[in-house]
């Protein structure tokens, strides 16, 4: 059975890569793995990030990030965008004991970073940030507009700031981009 699942995942990945090349990245990649049902596909996980099969908002899996020491806690994938177009970004976040000993601007969150055709960062838009403490699954959403010159973007989920020593655990699930 495992070989069959691996074969199906490879076929899906090949189809998604082919569709991404033709400009269908948001439609094909995002809604399907925003729930992390196919594991880490289309997400770049840091060393302290994993797929959790015991905690999820729905579907049985979520992305888990443990903010320990100086590790940047972002998981991201590239997205083709159109400058001036609006995108609604939503997702569910659960947290356990997110804290920092001295900073006040830290916590779990989601943001999108916009890039030019030369892959230079233009700006970023916070979807939600500075979530602290312990909370059960909570839904967050925000509509943002791609700035002038943006052709790609990277959606990031994690615990910030990178390298701050922020501690705690956050889970992310059912991430959706509409636009």
Foldseek 3Di string as FASTA:
>chain_A
DVVVLVVVVVVLLVVQVVVVVVQCNQVRPPQVCLQCLVWLPQKDFWPQKGWDQCDGPDDRIWIKGWDAAQAAGKIKGKHFDDAFDKKKKKWKKWWAAWDADDDQFKFWFKKKWFAAPVRDTDGIGTQDGSDGHGDGIDMTMDMDGHHPRGGMMMMITTIDDHNRRTGTMMIIRSIHMDD
